[in-house]
PDB file of N, CA and C in Angstrom:
ATOM      1  N   MET A   1     -33.843   5.543  29.836  1.00  0.00           N
ATOM      2  CA  MET A   1     -32.516   5.503  30.426  1.00  0.00           C
ATOM      3  C   MET A   1     -31.659   4.498  29.669  1.00  0.00           C
ATOM      4  N   SER A   2     -30.419   4.834  29.457  1.00  0.00           N
ATOM      5  CA  SER A   2     -29.526   3.906  28.781  1.00  0.00           C
ATOM      6  C   SER A   2     -28.441   3.434  29.738  1.00  0.00           C
ATOM      7  N   LYS A   3     -27.849   2.316  29.378  1.00  0.00           N
ATOM      8  CA  LYS A   3     -26.802   1.706  30.192  1.00  0.00           C
ATOM      9  C   LYS A   3     -25.754   1.158  29.240  1.00  0.00           C
ATOM     10  N   LEU A   4     -24.481   1.445  29.513  1.00  0.00           N
ATOM     11  CA  LEU A   4     -23.429   0.878  28.683  1.00  0.00           C
ATOM     12  C   LEU A   4     -23.517  -0.631  28.800  1.00  0.00           C
ATOM     13  N   GLY A   5     -23.824  -1.283  27.694  1.00  0.00           N
ATOM     14  CA  GLY A   5     -23.980  -2.729  27.698  1.00  0.00           C
ATOM     15  C   GLY A   5     -22.711  -3.449  27.297  1.00  0.00           C
ATOM     16  N   ASN A   6     -22.034  -2.920  26.265  1.00  0.00           N
ATOM     17  CA  ASN A   6     -20.802  -3.543  25.812  1.00  0.00           C
ATOM     18  C   ASN A   6     -20.016  -2.587  24.936  1.00  0.00           C
ATOM     19  N   VAL A   7     -18.788  -2.965  24.675  1.00  0.00           N
ATOM     20  CA  VAL A   7     -17.941  -2.236  23.750  1.00  0.00           C
ATOM     21  C   VAL A   7     -17.627  -3.196  22.609  1.00  0.00           C
ATOM     22  N   LEU A   8     -18.012  -2.804  21.396  1.00  0.00           N
ATOM     23  CA  LEU A   8     -17.766  -3.632  20.220  1.00  0.00           C
ATOM     24  C   LEU A   8     -16.335  -3.420  19.738  1.00  0.00           C
ATOM     25  N   ILE A   9     -15.589  -4.494  19.615  1.00  0.00           N
ATOM     26  CA  ILE A   9     -14.219  -4.431  19.110  1.00  0.00           C
ATOM     27  C   ILE A   9     -14.156  -5.274  17.846  1.00  0.00           C
ATOM     28  N   PRO A  10     -13.926  -4.650  16.685  1.00  0.00           N
ATOM     29  CA  PRO A  10     -13.863  -5.414  15.439  1.00  0.00           C
ATOM     30  C   PRO A  10     -12.588  -6.261  15.386  1.00  0.00           C
ATOM     31  N   VAL A  11     -12.745  -7.502  14.954  1.00  0.00           N
ATOM     32  CA  VAL A  11     -11.606  -8.411  14.831  1.00  0.00           C
ATOM     33  C   VAL A  11     -11.689  -9.144  13.495  1.00  0.00           C
ATOM     34  N   ALA A  12     -10.545  -9.521  12.968  1.00  0.00           N
ATOM     35  CA  ALA A  12     -10.492 -10.243  11.699  1.00  0.00           C
ATOM     36  C   ALA A  12     -10.645 -11.749  11.912  1.00  0.00           C
ATOM     37  N   ASP A  13     -10.139 -12.261  13.026  1.00  0.00           N
ATOM     38  CA  ASP A  13     -10.133 -13.698  13.304  1.00  0.00           C
ATOM     39  C   ASP A  13     -10.558 -13.890  14.758  1.00  0.00           C
ATOM     40  N   LEU A  14     -11.755 -14.444  14.963  1.00  0.00           N
ATOM     41  CA  LEU A  14     -12.294 -14.575  16.313  1.00  0.00           C
ATOM     42  C   LEU A  14     -11.441 -15.486  17.185  1.00  0.00           C
ATOM     43  N   ASP A  15     -10.945 -16.577  16.637  1.00  0.00           N
ATOM     44  CA  ASP A  15     -10.114 -17.487  17.438  1.00  0.00           C
ATOM     45  C   ASP A  15      -8.838 -16.792  17.918  1.00  0.00           C
ATOM     46  N   ALA A  16      -8.182 -16.061  17.028  1.00  0.00           N
ATOM     47  CA  ALA A  16      -6.961 -15.343  17.406  1.00  0.00           C
ATOM     48  C   ALA A  16      -7.277 -14.254  18.434  1.00  0.00           C
ATOM     49  N   ALA A  17      -8.401 -13.557  18.252  1.00  0.00           N
ATOM     50  CA  ALA A  17      -8.790 -12.509  19.191  1.00  0.00           C
ATOM     51  C   ALA A  17      -9.100 -13.109  20.564  1.00  0.00           C
ATOM     52  N   LEU A  18      -9.791 -14.247  20.582  1.00  0.00           N
ATOM     53  CA  LEU A  18     -10.086 -14.910  21.856  1.00  0.00           C
ATOM     54  C   LEU A  18      -8.806 -15.381  22.544  1.00  0.00           C
ATOM     55  N   ALA A  19      -7.858 -15.878  21.764  1.00  0.00           N
ATOM     56  CA  ALA A  19      -6.581 -16.294  22.348  1.00  0.00           C
ATOM     57  C   ALA A  19      -5.909 -15.111  23.043  1.00  0.00           C
ATOM     58  N   PHE A  20      -6.005 -13.924  22.439  1.00  0.00           N
ATOM     59  CA  PHE A  20      -5.400 -12.743  23.032  1.00  0.00           C
ATOM     60  C   PHE A  20      -6.206 -12.228  24.224  1.00  0.00           C
ATOM     61  N   TYR A  21      -7.486 -11.931  24.011  1.00  0.00           N
ATOM     62  CA  TYR A  21      -8.288 -11.296  25.056  1.00  0.00           C
ATOM     63  C   TYR A  21      -8.594 -12.228  26.227  1.00  0.00           C
ATOM     64  N   SER A  22      -8.806 -13.506  25.941  1.00  0.00           N
ATOM     65  CA  SER A  22      -9.108 -14.449  27.009  1.00  0.00           C
ATOM     66  C   SER A  22      -7.826 -15.099  27.526  1.00  0.00           C
ATOM     67  N   GLY A  23      -7.065 -15.675  26.595  1.00  0.00           N
ATOM     68  CA  GLY A  23      -5.862 -16.401  26.988  1.00  0.00           C
ATOM     69  C   GLY A  23      -4.776 -15.522  27.567  1.00  0.00           C
ATOM     70  N   THR A  24      -4.466 -14.404  26.896  1.00  0.00           N
ATOM     71  CA  THR A  24      -3.374 -13.548  27.332  1.00  0.00           C
ATOM     72  C   THR A  24      -3.829 -12.487  28.324  1.00  0.00           C
ATOM     73  N   LEU A  25      -4.914 -11.774  28.009  1.00  0.00           N
ATOM     74  CA  LEU A  25      -5.392 -10.696  28.867  1.00  0.00           C
ATOM     75  C   LEU A  25      -6.179 -11.229  30.070  1.00  0.00           C
ATOM     76  N   GLY A  26      -6.703 -12.433  29.958  1.00  0.00           N
ATOM     77  CA  GLY A  26      -7.371 -13.080  31.086  1.00  0.00           C
ATOM     78  C   GLY A  26      -8.847 -12.777  31.262  1.00  0.00           C
ATOM     79  N   LEU A  27      -9.518 -12.251  30.215  1.00  0.00           N
ATOM     80  CA  LEU A  27     -10.954 -11.980  30.309  1.00  0.00           C
ATOM     81  C   LEU A  27     -11.735 -13.274  30.112  1.00  0.00           C
ATOM     82  N   ALA A  28     -12.686 -13.538  30.994  1.00  0.00           N
ATOM     83  CA  ALA A  28     -13.485 -14.770  30.908  1.00  0.00           C
ATOM     84  C   ALA A  28     -14.497 -14.669  29.776  1.00  0.00           C
ATOM     85  N   VAL A  29     -14.628 -15.747  29.000  1.00  0.00           N
ATOM     86  CA  VAL A  29     -15.609 -15.808  27.917  1.00  0.00           C
ATOM     87  C   VAL A  29     -16.982 -16.070  28.534  1.00  0.00           C
ATOM     88  N   LYS A  30     -17.940 -15.186  28.227  1.00  0.00           N
ATOM     89  CA  LYS A  30     -19.308 -15.338  28.715  1.00  0.00           C
ATOM     90  C   LYS A  30     -20.188 -16.058  27.710  1.00  0.00           C
ATOM     91  N   PHE A  31     -19.921 -15.822  26.413  1.00  0.00           N
ATOM     92  CA  PHE A  31     -20.795 -16.330  25.355  1.00  0.00           C
ATOM     93  C   PHE A  31     -20.048 -16.258  24.038  1.00  0.00           C
ATOM     94  N   ARG A  32     -20.287 -17.243  23.185  1.00  0.00           N
ATOM     95  CA  ARG A  32     -19.723 -17.218  21.830  1.00  0.00           C
ATOM     96  C   ARG A  32     -20.804 -17.634  20.852  1.00  0.00           C
ATOM     97  N   ASP A  33     -20.902 -16.902  19.752  1.00  0.00           N
ATOM     98  CA  ASP A  33     -21.847 -17.213  18.685  1.00  0.00           C
ATOM     99  C   ASP A  33     -21.034 -17.534  17.436  1.00  0.00           C
ATOM    100  N   GLY A  34     -20.652 -18.788  17.305  1.00  0.00           N
ATOM    101  CA  GLY A  34     -19.892 -19.251  16.152  1.00  0.00           C
ATOM    102  C   GLY A  34     -18.620 -18.461  15.923  1.00  0.00           C
ATOM    103  N   ASP A  35     -18.403 -18.063  14.666  1.00  0.00           N
ATOM    104  CA  ASP A  35     -17.218 -17.292  14.308  1.00  0.00           C
ATOM    105  C   ASP A  35     -17.540 -15.822  14.111  1.00  0.00           C
ATOM    106  N   ARG A  36     -18.712 -15.367  14.608  1.00  0.00           N
ATOM    107  CA  ARG A  36     -19.147 -13.997  14.371  1.00  0.00           C
ATOM    108  C   ARG A  36     -19.056 -13.087  15.582  1.00  0.00           C
ATOM    109  N   PHE A  37     -19.151 -13.652  16.806  1.00  0.00           N
ATOM    110  CA  PHE A  37     -19.300 -12.823  18.006  1.00  0.00           C
ATOM    111  C   PHE A  37     -18.854 -13.587  19.239  1.00  0.00           C
ATOM    112  N   ALA A  38     -18.195 -12.890  20.142  1.00  0.00           N
ATOM    113  CA  ALA A  38     -17.887 -13.463  21.452  1.00  0.00           C
ATOM    114  C   ALA A  38     -17.995 -12.354  22.488  1.00  0.00           C
ATOM    115  N   ALA A  39     -18.624 -12.668  23.620  1.00  0.00           N
ATOM    116  CA  ALA A  39     -18.776 -11.730  24.721  1.00  0.00           C
ATOM    117  C   ALA A  39     -17.836 -12.152  25.842  1.00  0.00           C
ATOM    118  N   LEU A  40     -17.055 -11.206  26.327  1.00  0.00           N
ATOM    119  CA  LEU A  40     -16.121 -11.469  27.406  1.00  0.00           C
ATOM    120  C   LEU A  40     -16.423 -10.549  28.581  1.00  0.00           C
ATOM    121  N   ASP A  41     -16.110 -11.030  29.781  1.00  0.00           N
ATOM    122  CA  ASP A  41     -16.348 -10.249  30.991  1.00  0.00           C
ATOM    123  C   ASP A  41     -15.259  -9.196  31.127  1.00  0.00           C
ATOM    124  N   GLY A  42     -15.648  -7.946  30.924  1.00  0.00           N
ATOM    125  CA  GLY A  42     -14.711  -6.832  31.032  1.00  0.00           C
ATOM    126  C   GLY A  42     -14.728  -6.189  32.406  1.00  0.00           C
ATOM    127  N   GLY A  43     -15.298  -6.842  33.413  1.00  0.00           N
ATOM    128  CA  GLY A  43     -15.331  -6.294  34.755  1.00  0.00           C
ATOM    129  C   GLY A  43     -16.388  -5.227  34.933  1.00  0.00           C
ATOM    130  N   GLY A  44     -17.590  -5.505  34.506  1.00  0.00           N
ATOM    131  CA  GLY A  44     -18.692  -4.554  34.618  1.00  0.00           C
ATOM    132  C   GLY A  44     -19.251  -4.149  33.259  1.00  0.00           C
ATOM    133  N   THR A  45     -18.457  -4.235  32.245  1.00  0.00           N
ATOM    134  CA  THR A  45     -18.883  -3.973  30.876  1.00  0.00           C
ATOM    135  C   THR A  45     -18.440  -5.147  30.026  1.00  0.00           C
ATOM    136  N   THR A  46     -19.312  -5.607  29.157  1.00  0.00           N
ATOM    137  CA  THR A  46     -18.974  -6.715  28.280  1.00  0.00           C
ATOM    138  C   THR A  46     -18.085  -6.227  27.144  1.00  0.00           C
ATOM    139  N   ILE A  47     -17.034  -6.966  26.879  1.00  0.00           N
ATOM    140  CA  ILE A  47     -16.187  -6.721  25.715  1.00  0.00           C
ATOM    141  C   ILE A  47     -16.707  -7.663  24.631  1.00  0.00           C
ATOM    142  N   ALA A  48     -17.202  -7.092  23.536  1.00  0.00           N
ATOM    143  CA  ALA A  48     -17.786  -7.885  22.456  1.00  0.00           C
ATOM    144  C   ALA A  48     -16.835  -7.901  21.269  1.00  0.00           C
ATOM    145  N   LEU A  49     -16.274  -9.060  20.996  1.00  0.00           N
ATOM    146  CA  LEU A  49     -15.404  -9.229  19.835  1.00  0.00           C
ATOM    147  C   LEU A  49     -16.293  -9.576  18.658  1.00  0.00           C
ATOM    148  N   VAL A  50     -16.223  -8.784  17.583  1.00  0.00           N
ATOM    149  CA  VAL A  50     -17.132  -8.966  16.455  1.00  0.00           C
ATOM    150  C   VAL A  50     -16.355  -9.074  15.140  1.00  0.00           C
ATOM    151  N   THR A  51     -16.687 -10.116  14.370  1.00  0.00           N
ATOM    152  CA  THR A  51     -16.091 -10.250  13.047  1.00  0.00           C
ATOM    153  C   THR A  51     -16.948  -9.465  12.049  1.00  0.00           C
ATOM    154  N   ALA A  52     -16.556  -9.463  10.808  1.00  0.00           N
ATOM    155  CA  ALA A  52     -17.189  -8.614   9.787  1.00  0.00           C
ATOM    156  C   ALA A  52     -18.713  -8.720   9.783  1.00  0.00           C
ATOM    157  N   GLU A  53     -19.245  -9.898   9.974  1.00  0.00           N
ATOM    158  CA  GLU A  53     -20.694 -10.121   9.945  1.00  0.00           C
ATOM    159  C   GLU A  53     -21.439  -9.331  11.027  1.00  0.00           C
ATOM    160  N   GLU A  54     -20.790  -9.071  12.155  1.00  0.00           N
ATOM    161  CA  GLU A  54     -21.424  -8.372  13.274  1.00  0.00           C
ATOM    162  C   GLU A  54     -20.873  -6.960  13.500  1.00  0.00           C
ATOM    163  N   GLN A  55     -20.095  -6.454  12.585  1.00  0.00           N
ATOM    164  CA  GLN A  55     -19.529  -5.114  12.738  1.00  0.00           C
ATOM    165  C   GLN A  55     -20.548  -4.068  12.286  1.00  0.00           C
ATOM    166  N   VAL A  56     -21.620  -3.956  13.048  1.00  0.00           N
ATOM    167  CA  VAL A  56     -22.729  -3.070  12.685  1.00  0.00           C
ATOM    168  C   VAL A  56     -22.324  -1.603  12.679  1.00  0.00           C
ATOM    169  N   ALA A  57     -21.304  -1.244  13.435  1.00  0.00           N
ATOM    170  CA  ALA A  57     -20.824   0.141  13.479  1.00  0.00           C
ATOM    171  C   ALA A  57     -19.650   0.351  12.527  1.00  0.00           C
ATOM    172  N   GLY A  58     -19.324  -0.669  11.745  1.00  0.00           N
ATOM    173  CA  GLY A  58     -18.153  -0.606  10.867  1.00  0.00           C
ATOM    174  C   GLY A  58     -16.950  -1.176  11.595  1.00  0.00           C
ATOM    175  N   ALA A  59     -15.797  -1.016  10.992  1.00  0.00           N
ATOM    176  CA  ALA A  59     -14.571  -1.578  11.551  1.00  0.00           C
ATOM    177  C   ALA A  59     -13.934  -0.600  12.536  1.00  0.00           C
ATOM    178  N   VAL A  60     -14.750  -0.132  13.489  1.00  0.00           N
ATOM    179  CA  VAL A  60     -14.273   0.776  14.535  1.00  0.00           C
ATOM    180  C   VAL A  60     -14.732   0.254  15.884  1.00  0.00           C
ATOM    181  N   THR A  61     -13.980   0.564  16.912  1.00  0.00           N
ATOM    182  CA  THR A  61     -14.405   0.234  18.260  1.00  0.00           C
ATOM    183  C   THR A  61     -15.532   1.192  18.641  1.00  0.00           C
ATOM    184  N   ALA A  62     -16.631   0.646  19.140  1.00  0.00           N
ATOM    185  CA  ALA A  62     -17.802   1.474  19.422  1.00  0.00           C
ATOM    186  C   ALA A  62     -18.504   1.029  20.701  1.00  0.00           C
ATOM    187  N   PRO A  63     -18.867   1.979  21.560  1.00  0.00           N
ATOM    188  CA  PRO A  63     -19.676   1.618  22.718  1.00  0.00           C
ATOM    189  C   PRO A  63     -21.087   1.259  22.264  1.00  0.00           C
ATOM    190  N   SER A  64     -21.714   0.391  23.012  1.00  0.00           N
ATOM    191  CA  SER A  64     -23.060  -0.080  22.685  1.00  0.00           C
ATOM    192  C   SER A  64     -23.917   0.070  23.938  1.00  0.00           C
ATOM    193  N   TYR A  65     -25.018   0.818  23.806  1.00  0.00           N
ATOM    194  CA  TYR A  65     -25.860   1.139  24.955  1.00  0.00           C
ATOM    195  C   TYR A  65     -27.189   0.400  24.892  1.00  0.00           C
ATOM    196  N   LYS A  66     -27.534  -0.241  25.991  1.00  0.00           N
ATOM    197  CA  LYS A  66     -28.820  -0.924  26.121  1.00  0.00           C
ATOM    198  C   LYS A  66     -29.862   0.106  26.533  1.00  0.00           C
ATOM    199  N   VAL A  67     -30.968   0.159  25.798  1.00  0.00           N
ATOM    200  CA  VAL A  67     -32.039   1.119  26.095  1.00  0.00           C
ATOM    201  C   VAL A  67     -33.366   0.379  26.194  1.00  0.00           C
ATOM    202  N   ASP A  68     -34.312   0.986  26.900  1.00  0.00           N
ATOM    203  CA  ASP A  68     -35.630   0.368  27.069  1.00  0.00           C
ATOM    204  C   ASP A  68     -36.479   0.506  25.814  1.00  0.00           C
ATOM    205  N   ASP A  69     -36.447   1.676  25.182  1.00  0.00           N
ATOM    206  CA  ASP A  69     -37.292   1.961  24.016  1.00  0.00           C
ATOM    207  C   ASP A  69     -36.400   2.505  22.905  1.00  0.00           C
ATOM    208  N   LEU A  70     -36.021   1.645  21.975  1.00  0.00           N
ATOM    209  CA  LEU A  70     -35.071   2.020  20.934  1.00  0.00           C
ATOM    210  C   LEU A  70     -35.586   3.183  20.083  1.00  0.00           C
ATOM    211  N   ALA A  71     -36.823   3.095  19.611  1.00  0.00           N
ATOM    212  CA  ALA A  71     -37.364   4.137  18.726  1.00  0.00           C
ATOM    213  C   ALA A  71     -37.406   5.489  19.433  1.00  0.00           C
ATOM    214  N   ALA A  72     -37.856   5.512  20.669  1.00  0.00           N
ATOM    215  CA  ALA A  72     -37.942   6.775  21.412  1.00  0.00           C
ATOM    216  C   ALA A  72     -36.554   7.351  21.682  1.00  0.00           C
ATOM    217  N   THR A  73     -35.588   6.479  21.985  1.00  0.00           N
ATOM    218  CA  THR A  73     -34.229   6.953  22.264  1.00  0.00           C
ATOM    219  C   THR A  73     -33.578   7.506  21.006  1.00  0.00           C
ATOM    220  N   VAL A  74     -33.777   6.841  19.871  1.00  0.00           N
ATOM    221  CA  VAL A  74     -33.238   7.356  18.601  1.00  0.00           C
ATOM    222  C   VAL A  74     -33.831   8.736  18.315  1.00  0.00           C
ATOM    223  N   LYS A  75     -35.132   8.875  18.506  1.00  0.00           N
ATOM    224  CA  LYS A  75     -35.805  10.158  18.259  1.00  0.00           C
ATOM    225  C   LYS A  75     -35.250  11.245  19.182  1.00  0.00           C
ATOM    226  N   GLU A  76     -35.090  10.926  20.441  1.00  0.00           N
ATOM    227  CA  GLU A  76     -34.575  11.901  21.414  1.00  0.00           C
ATOM    228  C   GLU A  76     -33.148  12.324  21.074  1.00  0.00           C
ATOM    229  N   LEU A  77     -32.311  11.355  20.725  1.00  0.00           N
ATOM    230  CA  LEU A  77     -30.909  11.674  20.439  1.00  0.00           C
ATOM    231  C   LEU A  77     -30.737  12.425  19.127  1.00  0.00           C
ATOM    232  N   THR A  78     -31.527  12.098  18.119  1.00  0.00           N
ATOM    233  CA  THR A  78     -31.418  12.849  16.866  1.00  0.00           C
ATOM    234  C   THR A  78     -31.897  14.286  17.065  1.00  0.00           C
ATOM    235  N   ALA A  79     -32.877  14.488  17.915  1.00  0.00           N
ATOM    236  CA  ALA A  79     -33.331  15.851  18.224  1.00  0.00           C
ATOM    237  C   ALA A  79     -32.238  16.638  18.936  1.00  0.00           C
ATOM    238  N   ALA A  80     -31.339  15.920  19.616  1.00  0.00           N
ATOM    239  CA  ALA A  80     -30.250  16.565  20.349  1.00  0.00           C
ATOM    240  C   ALA A  80     -28.969  16.678  19.529  1.00  0.00           C
ATOM    241  N   GLY A  81     -29.018  16.300  18.239  1.00  0.00           N
ATOM    242  CA  GLY A  81     -27.851  16.478  17.378  1.00  0.00           C
ATOM    243  C   GLY A  81     -27.160  15.226  16.890  1.00  0.00           C
ATOM    244  N   ALA A  82     -27.617  14.054  17.321  1.00  0.00           N
ATOM    245  CA  ALA A  82     -27.035  12.807  16.814  1.00  0.00           C
ATOM    246  C   ALA A  82     -27.544  12.553  15.396  1.00  0.00           C
ATOM    247  N   ALA A  83     -26.807  11.756  14.646  1.00  0.00           N
ATOM    248  CA  ALA A  83     -27.224  11.375  13.299  1.00  0.00           C
ATOM    249  C   ALA A  83     -27.372   9.864  13.221  1.00  0.00           C
ATOM    250  N   VAL A  84     -28.369   9.409  12.491  1.00  0.00           N
ATOM    251  CA  VAL A  84     -28.570   7.972  12.298  1.00  0.00           C
ATOM    252  C   VAL A  84     -27.629   7.500  11.205  1.00  0.00           C
ATOM    253  N   VAL A  85     -26.799   6.530  11.535  1.00  0.00           N
ATOM    254  CA  VAL A  85     -25.863   5.933  10.579  1.00  0.00           C
ATOM    255  C   VAL A  85     -26.496   4.695   9.954  1.00  0.00           C
ATOM    256  N   ALA A  86     -27.198   3.911  10.769  1.00  0.00           N
ATOM    257  CA  ALA A  86     -27.909   2.723  10.296  1.00  0.00           C
ATOM    258  C   ALA A  86     -29.242   2.653  11.034  1.00  0.00           C
ATOM    259  N   GLU A  87     -30.324   2.617  10.282  1.00  0.00           N
ATOM    260  CA  GLU A  87     -31.684   2.569  10.843  1.00  0.00           C
ATOM    261  C   GLU A  87     -31.854   1.326  11.710  1.00  0.00           C
ATOM    262  N   PRO A  88     -32.782   1.358  12.657  1.00  0.00           N
ATOM    263  CA  PRO A  88     -33.033   0.186  13.491  1.00  0.00           C
ATOM    264  C   PRO A  88     -33.313  -1.062  12.651  1.00  0.00           C
ATOM    265  N   SER A  89     -32.678  -2.157  13.061  1.00  0.00           N
ATOM    266  CA  SER A  89     -32.883  -3.437  12.384  1.00  0.00           C
ATOM    267  C   SER A  89     -32.704  -4.553  13.407  1.00  0.00           C
ATOM    268  N   SER A  90     -33.251  -5.706  13.082  1.00  0.00           N
ATOM    269  CA  SER A  90     -33.154  -6.849  13.982  1.00  0.00           C
ATOM    270  C   SER A  90     -31.860  -7.588  13.750  1.00  0.00           C
ATOM    271  N   GLY A  91     -31.148  -7.853  14.844  1.00  0.00           N
ATOM    272  CA  GLY A  91     -29.969  -8.702  14.814  1.00  0.00           C
ATOM    273  C   GLY A  91     -30.353 -10.067  15.351  1.00  0.00           C
ATOM    274  N   PRO A  92     -29.384 -10.932  15.570  1.00  0.00           N
ATOM    275  CA  PRO A  92     -29.714 -12.265  16.055  1.00  0.00           C
ATOM    276  C   PRO A  92     -30.246 -12.294  17.488  1.00  0.00           C
ATOM    277  N   HIS A  93     -29.926 -11.272  18.284  1.00  0.00           N
ATOM    278  CA  HIS A  93     -30.318 -11.284  19.690  1.00  0.00           C
ATOM    279  C   HIS A  93     -31.006 -10.003  20.148  1.00  0.00           C
ATOM    280  N   GLU A  94     -31.072  -8.991  19.272  1.00  0.00           N
ATOM    281  CA  GLU A  94     -31.607  -7.699  19.664  1.00  0.00           C
ATOM    282  C   GLU A  94     -32.013  -6.889  18.447  1.00  0.00           C
ATOM    283  N   ILE A  95     -32.710  -5.793  18.693  1.00  0.00           N
ATOM    284  CA  ILE A  95     -32.953  -4.806  17.650  1.00  0.00           C
ATOM    285  C   ILE A  95     -31.968  -3.675  17.947  1.00  0.00           C
ATOM    286  N   ARG A  96     -31.326  -3.135  16.896  1.00  0.00           N
ATOM    287  CA  ARG A  96     -30.265  -2.177  17.124  1.00  0.00           C
ATOM    288  C   ARG A  96     -30.259  -1.088  16.070  1.00  0.00           C
ATOM    289  N   ALA A  97     -29.655   0.022  16.430  1.00  0.00           N
ATOM    290  CA  ALA A  97     -29.470   1.143  15.509  1.00  0.00           C
ATOM    291  C   ALA A  97     -28.072   1.691  15.745  1.00  0.00           C
ATOM    292  N   VAL A  98     -27.492   2.256  14.697  1.00  0.00           N
ATOM    293  CA  VAL A  98     -26.167   2.855  14.803  1.00  0.00           C
ATOM    294  C   VAL A  98     -26.328   4.356  14.598  1.00  0.00           C
ATOM    295  N   LEU A  99     -25.764   5.134  15.498  1.00  0.00           N
ATOM    296  CA  LEU A  99     -25.834   6.590  15.423  1.00  0.00           C
ATOM    297  C   LEU A  99     -24.434   7.166  15.547  1.00  0.00           C
ATOM    298  N   SER A 100     -24.320   8.466  15.295  1.00  0.00           N
ATOM    299  CA  SER A 100     -23.079   9.171  15.590  1.00  0.00           C
ATOM    300  C   SER A 100     -23.431  10.394  16.413  1.00  0.00           C
ATOM    301  N   ASP A 101     -22.530  10.746  17.315  1.00  0.00           N
ATOM    302  CA  ASP A 101     -22.752  11.927  18.148  1.00  0.00           C
ATOM    303  C   ASP A 101     -22.420  13.183  17.329  1.00  0.00           C
ATOM    304  N   PRO A 102     -22.650  14.370  17.866  1.00  0.00           N
ATOM    305  CA  PRO A 102     -22.385  15.583  17.108  1.00  0.00           C
ATOM    306  C   PRO A 102     -20.931  15.742  16.636  1.00  0.00           C
ATOM    307  N   SER A 103     -19.998  15.013  17.262  1.00  0.00           N
ATOM    308  CA  SER A 103     -18.595  15.060  16.834  1.00  0.00           C
ATOM    309  C   SER A 103     -18.253  13.980  15.821  1.00  0.00           C
ATOM    310  N   GLY A 104     -19.229  13.134  15.473  1.00  0.00           N
ATOM    311  CA  GLY A 104     -19.003  12.080  14.493  1.00  0.00           C
ATOM    312  C   GLY A 104     -18.602  10.738  15.062  1.00  0.00           C
ATOM    313  N   ASN A 105     -18.571  10.594  16.386  1.00  0.00           N
ATOM    314  CA  ASN A 105     -18.222   9.313  17.005  1.00  0.00           C
ATOM    315  C   ASN A 105     -19.394   8.348  16.909  1.00  0.00           C
ATOM    316  N   VAL A 106     -19.132   7.157  16.442  1.00  0.00           N
ATOM    317  CA  VAL A 106     -20.176   6.156  16.224  1.00  0.00           C
ATOM    318  C   VAL A 106     -20.458   5.392  17.515  1.00  0.00           C
ATOM    319  N   PHE A 107     -21.762   5.088  17.739  1.00  0.00           N
ATOM    320  CA  PHE A 107     -22.163   4.249  18.857  1.00  0.00           C
ATOM    321  C   PHE A 107     -23.406   3.473  18.447  1.00  0.00           C
ATOM    322  N   VAL A 108     -23.702   2.427  19.208  1.00  0.00           N
ATOM    323  CA  VAL A 108     -24.833   1.541  18.917  1.00  0.00           C
ATOM    324  C   VAL A 108     -25.825   1.633  20.070  1.00  0.00           C
ATOM    325  N   LEU A 109     -27.115   1.624  19.724  1.00  0.00           N
ATOM    326  CA  LEU A 109     -28.195   1.502  20.703  1.00  0.00           C
ATOM    327  C   LEU A 109     -28.857   0.160  20.447  1.00  0.00           C
ATOM    328  N   TYR A 110     -29.254  -0.551  21.507  1.00  0.00           N
ATOM    329  CA  TYR A 110     -29.924  -1.823  21.299  1.00  0.00           C
ATOM    330  C   TYR A 110     -30.931  -2.099  22.400  1.00  0.00           C
ATOM    331  N   SER A 111     -31.925  -2.894  22.035  1.00  0.00           N
ATOM    332  CA  SER A 111     -32.919  -3.424  22.969  1.00  0.00           C
ATOM    333  C   SER A 111     -33.039  -4.911  22.694  1.00  0.00           C
ATOM    334  N   PRO A 112     -33.037  -5.743  23.723  1.00  0.00           N
ATOM    335  CA  PRO A 112     -33.201  -7.185  23.509  1.00  0.00           C
ATOM    336  C   PRO A 112     -34.531  -7.490  22.824  1.00  0.00           C
ATOM    337  N   LEU A 113     -34.535  -8.548  22.029  1.00  0.00           N
ATOM    338  CA  LEU A 113     -35.771  -8.992  21.374  1.00  0.00           C
ATOM    339  C   LEU A 113     -36.704  -9.619  22.374  1.00  0.00           C
TER     340      LEU A 113
END
């Protein structure tokens, strides 16, 4: 089973993005990892601001789904028509893979380490 964990939003400058999303839009900062990543409370879904180093799906906004078994989920989804864009790899906090749906929309699957 998968669960929408966060939405990755690529940003060029994390401080400027935080000023907008937290300061102006009013989203509370849950976590920040230096100048590469910040998690904000999106009211049930985490809004993840990611700079180039963490833009695993490229410079596009992409949903990110938390799954129990990454390898099994990748296998199931590719059998159903998804394509692997980036093979599973370890990130700083999780193992993740990037796929695209049959229409070409990119999304991320992840499991905590």
